[in-house]
Amino acid sequence: MNFLAFFTSADTTHVAAESAQHAAAAGEHHGEMSVSEMFKHLFEHVQDSRELELPFIGHVPLPQFAPIEIGGVSLDLSITKHVVFLWFSAALLILLMVLAARANRKNRVPTGWGNLVEVFVKFIRDEIVVPNMGEAGLKYMPYLLTTFFYILIMNLFGLVPWGSSATGNVSVTAGLAIVAFIMIQFSAIRAQGLGHYLAHLTGGVPVFLWPIMIPIEILGLFTKPFALCIRLFANMTGGHLVIVSLFGLIFLFKSYLIGAVTTSFVVAINFLELFVAFLQAYVFTMLTSIFMGLGIQAGHAPHDEHAEHSH
């Protein structure tokens, strides 16, 4: 794929074109758009919204619902742009994996799309799951594979025209982190047993230190998913903000030279964003498997020590 083809297929081209149209319209009707208004309009493209931008149709408002009051807390369950791409990513993931499964079922030697999916599956199994979790981690492969491909698809949607990356929303990454937290604790309890799992919260220190150690250990349980949440959100948002900021420089300086230089940087950053989309899906899956592996290995440690003493 050449630079021009990639650049014209990226969402940033649509952002720049639409921003230029808004600038021209503002100049015709209300005078020249201020720099602050231009940057505000550009940054709207990396934020969540209550409407979709569709080709040849324009802005389509999404269904809105009245907030629900639960215990004095107001919950807005209205559909937003990120929610739509969250659902679309899930539907696309199911479709692609079903197609890969059917293709591999027909062909003993995978080819085409089925072969590509198998490459990723084997990589996650041999380079992530087994090294970090051992053979006991193979039973958690469906969850880890779903996590990897789901995050990857959501990341890639931010690089297509009129698309949006749902992982650029902290609520989405928080949801993924909560599921990871549940799986981390579940795998640890399953491997260690509830009694041993609760006992590890004391850190093996004397009883009089438990009031200090137990809160620290409990806090440590939540710092892991919190780090997963913020890392994915920050990395996926940061790249888009850099691209938008670079486009803003074109309107700020109004120079062909600055425009050419800025466009070159944007093309390079788009390629970097493509790499980051894969990298962040890998990092999230890798760290989740490491955290799960720590709990699983802690459950196997007493058995290993007993076996050594028996010899």
C-alpha atoms as a PDB file:
ATOM      1  CA  MET A   1       0.000   0.000   0.000  1.00  0.00           C
ATOM      2  CA  ASN A   2       1.518   3.337  -1.009  1.00  0.00           C
ATOM      3  CA  PHE A   3       1.508   6.512   1.092  1.00  0.00           C
ATOM      4  CA  LEU A   4      -1.188   8.239  -0.971  1.00  0.00           C
ATOM      5  CA  ALA A   5      -3.573   5.291  -0.817  1.00  0.00           C
ATOM      6  CA  PHE A   6      -3.132   4.932   2.900  1.00  0.00           C
ATOM      7  CA  PHE A   7      -3.461   8.652   3.552  1.00  0.00           C
ATOM      8  CA  THR A   8      -6.636   8.993   1.495  1.00  0.00           C
ATOM      9  CA  SER A   9      -8.150   6.016   3.301  1.00  0.00           C
ATOM     10  CA  ALA A  10      -7.396   7.345   6.760  1.00  0.00           C
ATOM     11  CA  ASP A  11      -9.939   9.142   8.873  1.00  0.00           C
ATOM     12  CA  THR A  12      -7.662  12.157   9.168  1.00  0.00           C
ATOM     13  CA  THR A  13      -8.239  13.089   5.522  1.00  0.00           C
ATOM     14  CA  HIS A  14     -11.955  13.215   6.178  1.00  0.00           C
ATOM     15  CA  VAL A  15     -11.334  15.347   9.267  1.00  0.00           C
ATOM     16  CA  ALA A  16      -9.197  17.847   7.354  1.00  0.00           C
ATOM     17  CA  ALA A  17     -11.604  18.066   4.422  1.00  0.00           C
ATOM     18  CA  GLU A  18     -14.620  18.589   6.626  1.00  0.00           C
ATOM     19  CA  SER A  19     -12.763  21.131   8.751  1.00  0.00           C
ATOM     20  CA  ALA A  20     -11.806  23.059   5.630  1.00  0.00           C
ATOM     21  CA  GLN A  21     -15.441  23.059   4.507  1.00  0.00           C
ATOM     22  CA  HIS A  22     -16.547  24.385   7.874  1.00  0.00           C
ATOM     23  CA  ALA A  23     -13.845  27.033   7.727  1.00  0.00           C
ATOM     24  CA  ALA A  24     -14.977  28.124   4.266  1.00  0.00           C
ATOM     25  CA  ALA A  25     -18.605  28.229   5.335  1.00  0.00           C
ATOM     26  CA  ALA A  26     -17.735  30.227   8.412  1.00  0.00           C
ATOM     27  CA  GLY A  27     -15.724  32.648   6.282  1.00  0.00           C
ATOM     28  CA  GLU A  28     -18.635  33.210   3.945  1.00  0.00           C
ATOM     29  CA  HIS A  29     -21.286  33.749   6.577  1.00  0.00           C
ATOM     30  CA  HIS A  30     -19.615  34.935   9.770  1.00  0.00           C
ATOM     31  CA  GLY A  31     -16.171  36.018   8.728  1.00  0.00           C
ATOM     32  CA  GLU A  32     -13.065  33.955   9.211  1.00  0.00           C
ATOM     33  CA  MET A  33     -13.290  31.143  11.805  1.00  0.00           C
ATOM     34  CA  SER A  34     -11.015  31.766  14.776  1.00  0.00           C
ATOM     35  CA  VAL A  35      -8.129  29.439  15.507  1.00  0.00           C
ATOM     36  CA  SER A  36      -9.706  28.351  18.783  1.00  0.00           C
ATOM     37  CA  GLU A  37     -12.974  27.438  17.017  1.00  0.00           C
ATOM     38  CA  MET A  38     -11.034  25.500  14.382  1.00  0.00           C
ATOM     39  CA  PHE A  39      -9.163  23.484  17.004  1.00  0.00           C
ATOM     40  CA  LYS A  40     -12.407  22.898  18.884  1.00  0.00           C
ATOM     41  CA  HIS A  41     -14.030  21.490  15.756  1.00  0.00           C
ATOM     42  CA  LEU A  42     -11.023  19.282  15.024  1.00  0.00           C
ATOM     43  CA  PHE A  43     -10.958  17.832  18.525  1.00  0.00           C
ATOM     44  CA  GLU A  44     -14.647  16.942  18.287  1.00  0.00           C
ATOM     45  CA  HIS A  45     -13.626  14.146  15.920  1.00  0.00           C
ATOM     46  CA  VAL A  46     -11.760  12.268  18.669  1.00  0.00           C
ATOM     47  CA  GLN A  47     -14.555  12.643  21.205  1.00  0.00           C
ATOM     48  CA  ASP A  48     -17.695  10.631  21.712  1.00  0.00           C
ATOM     49  CA  SER A  49     -20.889  12.092  20.266  1.00  0.00           C
ATOM     50  CA  ARG A  50     -24.607  11.445  19.976  1.00  0.00           C
ATOM     51  CA  GLU A  51     -24.533  11.172  16.190  1.00  0.00           C
ATOM     52  CA  LEU A  52     -22.812   9.207  13.468  1.00  0.00           C
ATOM     53  CA  GLU A  53     -21.064  10.566  10.392  1.00  0.00           C
ATOM     54  CA  LEU A  54     -21.984   8.403   7.405  1.00  0.00           C
ATOM     55  CA  PRO A  55     -20.714   8.697   3.813  1.00  0.00           C
ATOM     56  CA  PHE A  56     -23.130  10.404   1.392  1.00  0.00           C
ATOM     57  CA  ILE A  57     -25.617  10.845   4.252  1.00  0.00           C
ATOM     58  CA  GLY A  58     -23.920  13.129   6.723  1.00  0.00           C
ATOM     59  CA  HIS A  59     -24.732  13.380  10.400  1.00  0.00           C
ATOM     60  CA  VAL A  60     -27.269  10.850  11.687  1.00  0.00           C
ATOM     61  CA  PRO A  61     -28.602  11.378  15.244  1.00  0.00           C
ATOM     62  CA  LEU A  62     -28.593   8.331  17.507  1.00  0.00           C
ATOM     63  CA  PRO A  63     -31.483   7.241  19.787  1.00  0.00           C
ATOM     64  CA  GLN A  64     -31.571   9.031  23.124  1.00  0.00           C
ATOM     65  CA  PHE A  65     -33.270   7.841  26.301  1.00  0.00           C
ATOM     66  CA  ALA A  66     -34.247   9.565  29.503  1.00  0.00           C
ATOM     67  CA  PRO A  67     -31.721   9.031  32.343  1.00  0.00           C
ATOM     68  CA  ILE A  68     -32.518   6.303  34.869  1.00  0.00           C
ATOM     69  CA  GLU A  69     -32.330   7.163  38.577  1.00  0.00           C
ATOM     70  CA  ILE A  70     -30.945   4.341  40.756  1.00  0.00           C
ATOM     71  CA  GLY A  71     -30.224   5.137  44.392  1.00  0.00           C
ATOM     72  CA  GLY A  72     -29.789   8.800  43.674  1.00  0.00           C
ATOM     73  CA  VAL A  73     -27.395   8.084  40.804  1.00  0.00           C
ATOM     74  CA  SER A  74     -28.425   9.133  37.299  1.00  0.00           C
ATOM     75  CA  LEU A  75     -27.545   6.656  34.528  1.00  0.00           C
ATOM     76  CA  ASP A  76     -27.706   7.764  30.906  1.00  0.00           C
ATOM     77  CA  LEU A  77     -28.120   4.675  28.721  1.00  0.00           C
ATOM     78  CA  SER A  78     -28.408   6.600  25.472  1.00  0.00           C
ATOM     79  CA  ILE A  79     -26.580   5.232  22.436  1.00  0.00           C
ATOM     80  CA  THR A  80     -23.454   7.140  21.406  1.00  0.00           C
ATOM     81  CA  LYS A  81     -20.960   6.841  18.564  1.00  0.00           C
ATOM     82  CA  HIS A  82     -18.554   4.753  20.646  1.00  0.00           C
ATOM     83  CA  VAL A  83     -21.354   2.409  21.699  1.00  0.00           C
ATOM     84  CA  VAL A  84     -22.243   1.815  18.045  1.00  0.00           C
ATOM     85  CA  PHE A  85     -18.648   0.961  17.158  1.00  0.00           C
ATOM     86  CA  LEU A  86     -18.416  -1.207  20.276  1.00  0.00           C
ATOM     87  CA  TRP A  87     -21.368  -3.267  19.039  1.00  0.00           C
ATOM     88  CA  PHE A  88     -20.163  -3.239  15.451  1.00  0.00           C
ATOM     89  CA  SER A  89     -16.737  -4.505  16.536  1.00  0.00           C
ATOM     90  CA  ALA A  90     -18.348  -7.355  18.482  1.00  0.00           C
ATOM     91  CA  ALA A  91     -20.552  -8.323  15.519  1.00  0.00           C
ATOM     92  CA  LEU A  92     -17.606  -8.157  13.116  1.00  0.00           C
ATOM     93  CA  LEU A  93     -15.478 -10.251  15.474  1.00  0.00           C
ATOM     94  CA  ILE A  94     -18.124 -12.975  15.635  1.00  0.00           C
ATOM     95  CA  LEU A  95     -18.550 -12.965  11.849  1.00  0.00           C
ATOM     96  CA  LEU A  96     -14.814 -13.132  11.099  1.00  0.00           C
ATOM     97  CA  MET A  97     -14.153 -15.893  13.621  1.00  0.00           C
ATOM     98  CA  VAL A  98     -17.100 -17.970  12.375  1.00  0.00           C
ATOM     99  CA  LEU A  99     -15.806 -17.669   8.822  1.00  0.00           C
ATOM    100  CA  ALA A 100     -12.306 -18.700   9.952  1.00  0.00           C
ATOM    101  CA  ALA A 101     -13.673 -21.672  11.921  1.00  0.00           C
ATOM    102  CA  ARG A 102     -15.709 -22.902   8.959  1.00  0.00           C
ATOM    103  CA  ALA A 103     -12.776 -22.507   6.584  1.00  0.00           C
ATOM    104  CA  ASN A 104     -10.434 -24.448   8.876  1.00  0.00           C
ATOM    105  CA  ARG A 105     -13.029 -27.161   9.409  1.00  0.00           C
ATOM    106  CA  LYS A 106     -13.208 -27.803   5.664  1.00  0.00           C
ATOM    107  CA  ASN A 107      -9.450 -27.660   5.061  1.00  0.00           C
ATOM    108  CA  ARG A 108      -7.102 -29.759   7.177  1.00  0.00           C
ATOM    109  CA  VAL A 109      -4.338 -27.420   6.046  1.00  0.00           C
ATOM    110  CA  PRO A 110      -5.608 -23.874   6.704  1.00  0.00           C
ATOM    111  CA  THR A 111      -5.460 -21.400   3.853  1.00  0.00           C
ATOM    112  CA  GLY A 112      -6.431 -17.802   3.330  1.00  0.00           C
ATOM    113  CA  TRP A 113      -8.290 -16.100   6.145  1.00  0.00           C
ATOM    114  CA  GLY A 114      -8.355 -19.243   8.282  1.00  0.00           C
ATOM    115  CA  ASN A 115      -4.588 -19.529   8.025  1.00  0.00           C
ATOM    116  CA  LEU A 116      -4.109 -15.886   9.066  1.00  0.00           C
ATOM    117  CA  VAL A 117      -6.297 -16.332  12.145  1.00  0.00           C
ATOM    118  CA  GLU A 118      -4.442 -19.517  13.068  1.00  0.00           C
ATOM    119  CA  VAL A 119      -1.149 -17.595  12.974  1.00  0.00           C
ATOM    120  CA  PHE A 120      -2.445 -15.191  15.612  1.00  0.00           C
ATOM    121  CA  VAL A 121      -3.948 -18.017  17.673  1.00  0.00           C
ATOM    122  CA  LYS A 122      -0.672 -19.941  17.757  1.00  0.00           C
ATOM    123  CA  PHE A 123       1.278 -16.794  18.541  1.00  0.00           C
ATOM    124  CA  ILE A 124      -0.935 -15.978  21.525  1.00  0.00           C
ATOM    125  CA  ARG A 125      -0.781 -19.578  22.723  1.00  0.00           C
ATOM    126  CA  ASP A 126       2.970 -20.112  22.341  1.00  0.00           C
ATOM    127  CA  GLU A 127       4.270 -16.607  23.114  1.00  0.00           C
ATOM    128  CA  ILE A 128       1.779 -15.300  25.670  1.00  0.00           C
ATOM    129  CA  VAL A 129      -0.341 -17.948  27.385  1.00  0.00           C
ATOM    130  CA  VAL A 130       2.034 -20.891  27.874  1.00  0.00           C
ATOM    131  CA  PRO A 131       5.120 -18.845  28.941  1.00  0.00           C
ATOM    132  CA  ASN A 132       3.134 -16.784  31.465  1.00  0.00           C
ATOM    133  CA  MET A 133       0.472 -19.202  32.659  1.00  0.00           C
ATOM    134  CA  GLY A 134       1.813 -22.664  31.873  1.00  0.00           C
ATOM    135  CA  GLU A 135      -0.294 -25.486  30.505  1.00  0.00           C
ATOM    136  CA  ALA A 136      -2.999 -24.595  33.041  1.00  0.00           C
ATOM    137  CA  GLY A 137      -3.551 -21.358  31.141  1.00  0.00           C
ATOM    138  CA  LEU A 138      -4.747 -23.106  27.985  1.00  0.00           C
ATOM    139  CA  LYS A 139      -8.247 -23.353  29.429  1.00  0.00           C
ATOM    140  CA  TYR A 140      -8.374 -19.547  29.417  1.00  0.00           C
ATOM    141  CA  MET A 141      -7.400 -19.254  25.753  1.00  0.00           C
ATOM    142  CA  PRO A 142     -10.944 -18.393  24.570  1.00  0.00           C
ATOM    143  CA  TYR A 143     -11.065 -15.361  26.863  1.00  0.00           C
ATOM    144  CA  LEU A 144      -7.578 -14.138  25.949  1.00  0.00           C
ATOM    145  CA  LEU A 145      -8.145 -14.629  22.220  1.00  0.00           C
ATOM    146  CA  THR A 146     -11.436 -12.742  22.421  1.00  0.00           C
ATOM    147  CA  THR A 147      -9.724  -9.935  24.323  1.00  0.00           C
ATOM    148  CA  PHE A 148      -6.937  -9.623  21.757  1.00  0.00           C
ATOM    149  CA  PHE A 149      -9.097  -9.645  18.628  1.00  0.00           C
ATOM    150  CA  TYR A 150     -11.834  -7.472  20.142  1.00  0.00           C
ATOM    151  CA  ILE A 151      -9.396  -4.742  21.189  1.00  0.00           C
ATOM    152  CA  LEU A 152      -7.583  -4.995  17.850  1.00  0.00           C
ATOM    153  CA  ILE A 153     -10.765  -4.488  15.818  1.00  0.00           C
ATOM    154  CA  MET A 154     -11.853  -1.535  17.953  1.00  0.00           C
ATOM    155  CA  ASN A 155      -8.399   0.031  17.588  1.00  0.00           C
ATOM    156  CA  LEU A 156      -8.391  -0.377  13.812  1.00  0.00           C
ATOM    157  CA  PHE A 157     -11.802   1.264  13.418  1.00  0.00           C
ATOM    158  CA  GLY A 158     -10.179   4.529  14.426  1.00  0.00           C
ATOM    159  CA  LEU A 159      -8.090   4.423  11.246  1.00  0.00           C
ATOM    160  CA  VAL A 160     -10.887   4.058   8.687  1.00  0.00           C
ATOM    161  CA  PRO A 161     -12.957   6.878   7.155  1.00  0.00           C
ATOM    162  CA  TRP A 162     -15.908   7.941   9.312  1.00  0.00           C
ATOM    163  CA  GLY A 163     -14.783   5.420  11.907  1.00  0.00           C
ATOM    164  CA  SER A 164     -14.076   5.835  15.581  1.00  0.00           C
ATOM    165  CA  SER A 165     -11.961   3.933  18.078  1.00  0.00           C
ATOM    166  CA  ALA A 166     -14.110   2.839  21.015  1.00  0.00           C
ATOM    167  CA  THR A 167     -10.956   2.153  23.014  1.00  0.00           C
ATOM    168  CA  GLY A 168     -10.401   5.915  23.000  1.00  0.00           C
ATOM    169  CA  ASN A 169     -13.234   6.062  25.560  1.00  0.00           C
ATOM    170  CA  VAL A 170     -12.176   5.457  29.163  1.00  0.00           C
ATOM    171  CA  SER A 171     -15.554   3.846  29.908  1.00  0.00           C
ATOM    172  CA  VAL A 172     -14.853   1.162  27.305  1.00  0.00           C
ATOM    173  CA  THR A 173     -11.342   0.451  28.568  1.00  0.00           C
ATOM    174  CA  ALA A 174     -12.698   0.428  32.131  1.00  0.00           C
ATOM    175  CA  GLY A 175     -15.211  -2.230  31.102  1.00  0.00           C
ATOM    176  CA  LEU A 176     -12.445  -4.334  29.566  1.00  0.00           C
ATOM    177  CA  ALA A 177     -10.368  -3.862  32.727  1.00  0.00           C
ATOM    178  CA  ILE A 178     -13.268  -4.944  34.964  1.00  0.00           C
ATOM    179  CA  VAL A 179     -13.674  -8.156  32.972  1.00  0.00           C
ATOM    180  CA  ALA A 180      -9.900  -8.708  33.234  1.00  0.00           C
ATOM    181  CA  PHE A 181     -10.084  -8.128  37.003  1.00  0.00           C
ATOM    182  CA  ILE A 182     -12.827 -10.753  37.350  1.00  0.00           C
ATOM    183  CA  MET A 183     -10.855 -13.270  35.287  1.00  0.00           C
ATOM    184  CA  ILE A 184      -7.646 -12.600  37.258  1.00  0.00           C
ATOM    185  CA  GLN A 185      -9.383 -13.251  40.580  1.00  0.00           C
ATOM    186  CA  PHE A 186     -11.370 -16.202  39.234  1.00  0.00           C
ATOM    187  CA  SER A 187      -8.290 -17.972  37.873  1.00  0.00           C
ATOM    188  CA  ALA A 188      -6.402 -17.375  41.135  1.00  0.00           C
ATOM    189  CA  ILE A 189      -9.239 -18.730  43.314  1.00  0.00           C
ATOM    190  CA  ARG A 190      -9.692 -21.698  40.999  1.00  0.00           C
ATOM    191  CA  ALA A 191      -5.999 -22.583  41.201  1.00  0.00           C
ATOM    192  CA  GLN A 192      -5.388 -21.807  44.886  1.00  0.00           C
ATOM    193  CA  GLY A 193      -8.715 -22.460  46.534  1.00  0.00           C
ATOM    194  CA  LEU A 194     -10.652 -19.747  48.370  1.00  0.00           C
ATOM    195  CA  GLY A 195      -8.864 -20.308  51.684  1.00  0.00           C
ATOM    196  CA  HIS A 196      -5.357 -20.013  50.271  1.00  0.00           C
ATOM    197  CA  TYR A 197      -6.435 -17.045  48.129  1.00  0.00           C
ATOM    198  CA  LEU A 198      -7.680 -15.137  51.169  1.00  0.00           C
ATOM    199  CA  ALA A 199      -4.606 -16.125  53.167  1.00  0.00           C
ATOM    200  CA  HIS A 200      -2.262 -14.539  50.626  1.00  0.00           C
ATOM    201  CA  LEU A 201      -3.817 -11.152  51.432  1.00  0.00           C
ATOM    202  CA  THR A 202      -1.937 -11.242  54.743  1.00  0.00           C
ATOM    203  CA  GLY A 203       1.376 -11.334  52.895  1.00  0.00           C
ATOM    204  CA  GLY A 204       2.748 -13.935  55.318  1.00  0.00           C
ATOM    205  CA  VAL A 205       3.454 -11.301  57.981  1.00  0.00           C
ATOM    206  CA  PRO A 206       2.700 -11.571  61.734  1.00  0.00           C
ATOM    207  CA  VAL A 207      -0.891 -11.059  62.843  1.00  0.00           C
ATOM    208  CA  PHE A 208      -0.264  -7.626  64.342  1.00  0.00           C
ATOM    209  CA  LEU A 209       0.760  -6.358  60.872  1.00  0.00           C
ATOM    210  CA  TRP A 210      -2.393  -7.587  59.156  1.00  0.00           C
ATOM    211  CA  PRO A 211      -4.241  -4.240  59.529  1.00  0.00           C
ATOM    212  CA  ILE A 212      -1.488  -2.683  57.430  1.00  0.00           C
ATOM    213  CA  MET A 213      -0.786  -5.504  54.985  1.00  0.00           C
ATOM    214  CA  ILE A 214      -4.348  -6.506  54.078  1.00  0.00           C
ATOM    215  CA  PRO A 215      -5.417  -3.030  52.818  1.00  0.00           C
ATOM    216  CA  ILE A 216      -2.179  -2.801  50.818  1.00  0.00           C
ATOM    217  CA  GLU A 217      -2.767  -6.200  49.231  1.00  0.00           C
ATOM    218  CA  ILE A 218      -6.386  -5.352  48.433  1.00  0.00           C
ATOM    219  CA  LEU A 219      -5.286  -2.064  46.881  1.00  0.00           C
ATOM    220  CA  GLY A 220      -2.764  -3.999  44.788  1.00  0.00           C
ATOM    221  CA  LEU A 221      -5.581  -6.125  43.369  1.00  0.00           C
ATOM    222  CA  PHE A 222      -7.203  -3.021  41.876  1.00  0.00           C
ATOM    223  CA  THR A 223      -4.070  -1.251  40.650  1.00  0.00           C
ATOM    224  CA  LYS A 224      -3.508  -3.922  37.986  1.00  0.00           C
ATOM    225  CA  PRO A 225      -6.839  -3.452  36.131  1.00  0.00           C
ATOM    226  CA  PHE A 226      -6.601   0.309  36.671  1.00  0.00           C
ATOM    227  CA  ALA A 227      -3.245   0.309  34.878  1.00  0.00           C
ATOM    228  CA  LEU A 228      -4.734  -1.766  32.038  1.00  0.00           C
ATOM    229  CA  CYS A 229      -7.604   0.697  31.687  1.00  0.00           C
ATOM    230  CA  ILE A 230      -5.546   3.897  31.628  1.00  0.00           C
ATOM    231  CA  ARG A 231      -2.717   2.500  29.474  1.00  0.00           C
ATOM    232  CA  LEU A 232      -5.043   1.429  26.648  1.00  0.00           C
ATOM    233  CA  PHE A 233      -7.135   4.604  26.828  1.00  0.00           C
ATOM    234  CA  ALA A 234      -4.122   6.951  26.875  1.00  0.00           C
ATOM    235  CA  ASN A 235      -2.281   5.251  24.040  1.00  0.00           C
ATOM    236  CA  MET A 236      -5.275   5.105  21.729  1.00  0.00           C
ATOM    237  CA  THR A 237      -6.306   8.687  22.460  1.00  0.00           C
ATOM    238  CA  GLY A 238      -2.817  10.187  22.325  1.00  0.00           C
ATOM    239  CA  GLY A 239      -2.106   9.278  18.712  1.00  0.00           C
ATOM    240  CA  HIS A 240      -5.383  10.742  17.446  1.00  0.00           C
ATOM    241  CA  LEU A 241      -4.808  13.942  19.404  1.00  0.00           C
ATOM    242  CA  VAL A 242      -1.361  14.321  17.860  1.00  0.00           C
ATOM    243  CA  ILE A 243      -2.807  13.927  14.347  1.00  0.00           C
ATOM    244  CA  VAL A 244      -5.562  16.441  15.031  1.00  0.00           C
ATOM    245  CA  SER A 245      -3.059  18.902  16.502  1.00  0.00           C
ATOM    246  CA  LEU A 246      -0.841  18.615  13.442  1.00  0.00           C
ATOM    247  CA  PHE A 247      -3.783  19.331  11.157  1.00  0.00           C
ATOM    248  CA  GLY A 248      -4.578  22.341  13.288  1.00  0.00           C
ATOM    249  CA  LEU A 249      -1.150  23.769  12.501  1.00  0.00           C
ATOM    250  CA  ILE A 250      -2.163  24.020   8.835  1.00  0.00           C
ATOM    251  CA  PHE A 251      -5.023  26.352   9.693  1.00  0.00           C
ATOM    252  CA  LEU A 252      -2.966  28.174  12.295  1.00  0.00           C
ATOM    253  CA  PHE A 253      -0.034  29.121  10.026  1.00  0.00           C
ATOM    254  CA  LYS A 254      -1.923  29.075   6.682  1.00  0.00           C
ATOM    255  CA  SER A 255       1.267  28.157   4.862  1.00  0.00           C
ATOM    256  CA  TYR A 256       1.797  25.698   2.018  1.00  0.00           C
ATOM    257  CA  LEU A 257       5.220  24.816   3.420  1.00  0.00           C
ATOM    258  CA  ILE A 258       3.826  24.070   6.884  1.00  0.00           C
ATOM    259  CA  GLY A 259       0.997  22.130   5.261  1.00  0.00           C
ATOM    260  CA  ALA A 260       3.401  19.926   3.279  1.00  0.00           C
ATOM    261  CA  VAL A 261       5.589  19.238   6.324  1.00  0.00           C
ATOM    262  CA  THR A 262       2.594  18.603   8.577  1.00  0.00           C
ATOM    263  CA  THR A 263       1.004  16.252   6.067  1.00  0.00           C
ATOM    264  CA  SER A 264       4.225  14.228   5.877  1.00  0.00           C
ATOM    265  CA  PHE A 265       4.233  13.883   9.654  1.00  0.00           C
ATOM    266  CA  VAL A 266       0.565  12.856   9.666  1.00  0.00           C
ATOM    267  CA  VAL A 267       1.226  10.085   7.128  1.00  0.00           C
ATOM    268  CA  ALA A 268       4.085   8.786   9.277  1.00  0.00           C
ATOM    269  CA  ILE A 269       1.982   8.913  12.429  1.00  0.00           C
ATOM    270  CA  ASN A 270      -0.833   7.049  10.659  1.00  0.00           C
ATOM    271  CA  PHE A 271       1.556   4.183   9.984  1.00  0.00           C
ATOM    272  CA  LEU A 272       2.646   4.372  13.613  1.00  0.00           C
ATOM    273  CA  GLU A 273      -0.990   4.275  14.724  1.00  0.00           C
ATOM    274  CA  LEU A 274      -1.494   1.112  12.678  1.00  0.00           C
ATOM    275  CA  PHE A 275       1.387  -0.474  14.575  1.00  0.00           C
ATOM    276  CA  VAL A 276       0.079   0.854  17.906  1.00  0.00           C
ATOM    277  CA  ALA A 277      -3.339  -0.728  17.233  1.00  0.00           C
ATOM    278  CA  PHE A 278      -1.723  -4.172  17.148  1.00  0.00           C
ATOM    279  CA  LEU A 279       0.736  -3.360  19.928  1.00  0.00           C
ATOM    280  CA  GLN A 280      -1.881  -2.227  22.440  1.00  0.00           C
ATOM    281  CA  ALA A 281      -4.045  -5.296  21.804  1.00  0.00           C
ATOM    282  CA  TYR A 282      -0.941  -7.408  22.406  1.00  0.00           C
ATOM    283  CA  VAL A 283       0.100  -5.495  25.551  1.00  0.00           C
ATOM    284  CA  PHE A 284      -3.365  -5.702  27.126  1.00  0.00           C
ATOM    285  CA  THR A 285      -3.547  -9.443  26.450  1.00  0.00           C
ATOM    286  CA  MET A 286       0.021 -10.008  27.612  1.00  0.00           C
ATOM    287  CA  LEU A 287      -0.398  -8.161  30.918  1.00  0.00           C
ATOM    288  CA  THR A 288      -3.720  -9.880  31.605  1.00  0.00           C
ATOM    289  CA  SER A 289      -2.103 -13.282  31.092  1.00  0.00           C
ATOM    290  CA  ILE A 290       0.817 -12.309  33.359  1.00  0.00           C
ATOM    291  CA  PHE A 291      -1.539 -11.234  36.166  1.00  0.00           C
ATOM    292  CA  MET A 292      -3.594 -14.399  35.757  1.00  0.00           C
ATOM    293  CA  GLY A 293      -0.415 -16.491  35.671  1.00  0.00           C
ATOM    294  CA  LEU A 294       0.777 -15.064  38.991  1.00  0.00           C
ATOM    295  CA  GLY A 295      -2.375 -16.303  40.697  1.00  0.00           C
ATOM    296  CA  ILE A 296      -2.251 -19.691  38.981  1.00  0.00           C
ATOM    297  CA  GLN A 297       1.419 -20.240  39.835  1.00  0.00           C
ATOM    298  CA  ALA A 298       0.791 -19.263  43.466  1.00  0.00           C
ATOM    299  CA  GLY A 299      -1.750 -22.056  43.636  1.00  0.00           C
ATOM    300  CA  HIS A 300       0.714 -24.603  42.271  1.00  0.00           C
ATOM    301  CA  ALA A 301       3.660 -23.507  44.427  1.00  0.00           C
ATOM    302  CA  PRO A 302       2.706 -25.461  47.579  1.00  0.00           C
ATOM    303  CA  HIS A 303       2.323 -28.661  45.570  1.00  0.00           C
ATOM    304  CA  ASP A 304       5.713 -28.153  43.951  1.00  0.00           C
ATOM    305  CA  GLU A 305       7.389 -27.570  47.309  1.00  0.00           C
ATOM    306  CA  HIS A 306       5.747 -30.666  48.788  1.00  0.00           C
ATOM    307  CA  ALA A 307       6.934 -32.740  45.836  1.00  0.00           C
ATOM    308  CA  GLU A 308      10.513 -31.506  46.324  1.00  0.00           C
ATOM    309  CA  HIS A 309      10.458 -32.444  50.024  1.00  0.00           C
ATOM    310  CA  SER A 310       9.086 -35.888  49.198  1.00  0.00           C
ATOM    311  CA  HIS A 311      12.097 -36.527  46.972  1.00  0.00           C
END
